[in-house]
């Protein structure tokens, strides 16, 4: 599971949630370039992507994941308004992410 999140406390909280669900977490990748690199080379089954990474959008990461056939979820404080038309309909969780909502979103991708 790739975790892309630029806020350390949120990243730690989400990592704890994912580990509690039984996932091995790659990351957190906190900057766009590192996230794209990990998305290209890591063996992944899923990803959770913060939309805004220190002022840059994580859409290039999503594009790499989509090309590789790896499902992903967006997590953002801005809701679906933060998404471009290309990613409309992608599961998007409101931050702070609730563990139950995260578990339900992941189940939809399985």
Protein backbone atom coordinates (compact mmCIF):
# COMPACT_ATOMS: atom_id res chain seq x y z
CA UNK A 1 0.00 0.00 0.00
CA UNK A 2 1.49 3.32 -1.07
CA UNK A 3 0.77 6.24 1.23
CA UNK A 4 1.29 9.73 -0.18
CA UNK A 5 0.82 12.44 2.44
CA UNK A 6 2.82 15.60 3.15
CA UNK A 7 1.63 16.32 6.69
CA UNK A 8 3.67 14.20 9.10
CA UNK A 9 1.01 13.80 11.81
CA UNK A 10 -1.67 12.85 9.29
CA UNK A 11 0.76 10.47 7.58
CA UNK A 12 1.59 8.77 10.89
CA UNK A 13 -2.11 8.46 11.78
CA UNK A 14 -3.02 7.02 8.38
CA UNK A 15 -0.06 4.65 8.45
CA UNK A 16 -1.21 3.36 11.84
CA UNK A 17 -4.72 2.81 10.46
CA UNK A 18 -3.41 0.93 7.42
CA UNK A 19 -1.05 -1.23 9.47
CA UNK A 20 -3.92 -2.06 11.84
CA UNK A 21 -5.86 -3.23 8.76
CA UNK A 22 -2.99 -5.56 7.88
CA UNK A 23 -1.26 -3.58 5.14
CA UNK A 24 2.46 -3.11 4.65
CA UNK A 25 2.85 0.60 4.00
CA UNK A 26 5.29 2.01 1.44
CA UNK A 27 6.06 5.58 2.41
CA UNK A 28 4.78 7.89 3.38
CA UNK A 29 5.98 9.73 0.32
CA UNK A 30 5.75 13.38 1.29
CA UNK A 31 6.75 15.10 -1.98
CA UNK A 32 5.55 14.67 -5.54
CA UNK A 33 8.81 13.49 -7.10
CA UNK A 34 9.37 10.78 -4.46
CA UNK A 35 5.73 9.68 -4.74
CA UNK A 36 5.98 9.33 -8.53
CA UNK A 37 9.19 7.30 -8.16
CA UNK A 38 7.57 4.95 -5.66
CA UNK A 39 4.45 4.62 -7.81
CA UNK A 40 6.60 3.60 -10.77
CA UNK A 41 8.80 0.98 -9.09
CA UNK A 42 7.23 -0.40 -5.92
CA UNK A 43 5.19 -3.59 -5.82
CA UNK A 44 1.80 -2.13 -4.83
CA UNK A 45 -1.75 -3.35 -4.49
CA UNK A 46 -3.40 -0.04 -3.51
CA UNK A 47 -2.58 3.60 -2.80
CA UNK A 48 -3.93 6.46 -0.73
CA UNK A 49 -3.01 9.86 -2.15
CA UNK A 50 -3.25 13.27 -0.56
CA UNK A 51 -4.27 15.60 -3.39
CA UNK A 52 -2.15 18.59 -2.33
CA UNK A 53 1.53 17.87 -1.66
CA UNK A 54 3.24 21.05 -0.51
CA UNK A 55 1.46 23.05 -3.19
CA UNK A 56 1.75 20.43 -5.95
CA UNK A 57 -1.08 18.14 -7.01
CA UNK A 58 -0.61 14.37 -6.75
CA UNK A 59 -2.32 13.73 -10.10
CA UNK A 60 0.94 12.59 -11.79
CA UNK A 61 1.14 9.83 -9.16
CA UNK A 62 -2.45 8.86 -9.90
CA UNK A 63 -1.66 8.73 -13.62
CA UNK A 64 1.26 6.33 -13.01
CA UNK A 65 -0.91 4.15 -10.79
CA UNK A 66 -3.71 4.14 -13.35
CA UNK A 67 -1.25 3.11 -16.10
CA UNK A 68 -0.05 0.24 -13.89
CA UNK A 69 -3.62 -0.84 -13.04
CA UNK A 70 -3.17 -0.08 -9.34
CA UNK A 71 -6.33 1.24 -7.63
CA UNK A 72 -6.11 4.37 -5.51
CA UNK A 73 -8.08 6.60 -3.18
CA UNK A 74 -7.70 10.33 -2.79
CA UNK A 75 -7.68 11.90 0.68
CA UNK A 76 -8.09 15.65 0.89
CA UNK A 77 -9.35 18.43 3.07
CA UNK A 78 -10.97 19.99 0.00
CA UNK A 79 -13.39 17.19 -0.89
CA UNK A 80 -14.18 16.28 -4.47
CA UNK A 81 -13.84 19.94 -5.49
CA UNK A 82 -10.06 19.35 -5.43
CA UNK A 83 -10.26 16.82 -8.27
CA UNK A 84 -9.79 17.52 -11.95
CA UNK A 85 -12.29 16.26 -14.49
CA UNK A 86 -9.93 13.40 -15.33
CA UNK A 87 -10.33 11.97 -11.83
CA UNK A 88 -14.03 12.65 -11.22
CA UNK A 89 -15.63 9.58 -9.73
CA UNK A 90 -12.46 8.47 -7.93
CA UNK A 91 -13.15 7.52 -4.33
CA UNK A 92 -12.27 10.59 -2.29
CA UNK A 93 -12.15 10.72 1.50
CA UNK A 94 -12.41 13.90 3.53
CA UNK A 95 -9.50 14.52 5.90
CA UNK A 96 -9.15 13.83 8.72
CA UNK A 97 -9.87 10.32 7.49
CA UNK A 98 -12.10 8.15 9.61
CA UNK A 99 -10.80 4.56 9.96
CA UNK A 100 -14.21 3.09 9.14
CA UNK A 101 -14.50 5.18 5.98
CA UNK A 102 -10.97 4.21 4.96
CA UNK A 103 -11.75 0.52 5.47
CA UNK A 104 -15.00 0.85 3.47
CA UNK A 105 -13.24 2.71 0.62
CA UNK A 106 -10.54 0.05 0.42
CA UNK A 107 -13.19 -2.69 0.39
CA UNK A 108 -14.79 -1.03 -2.67
CA UNK A 109 -11.48 -1.33 -4.53
CA UNK A 110 -10.97 -5.00 -3.70
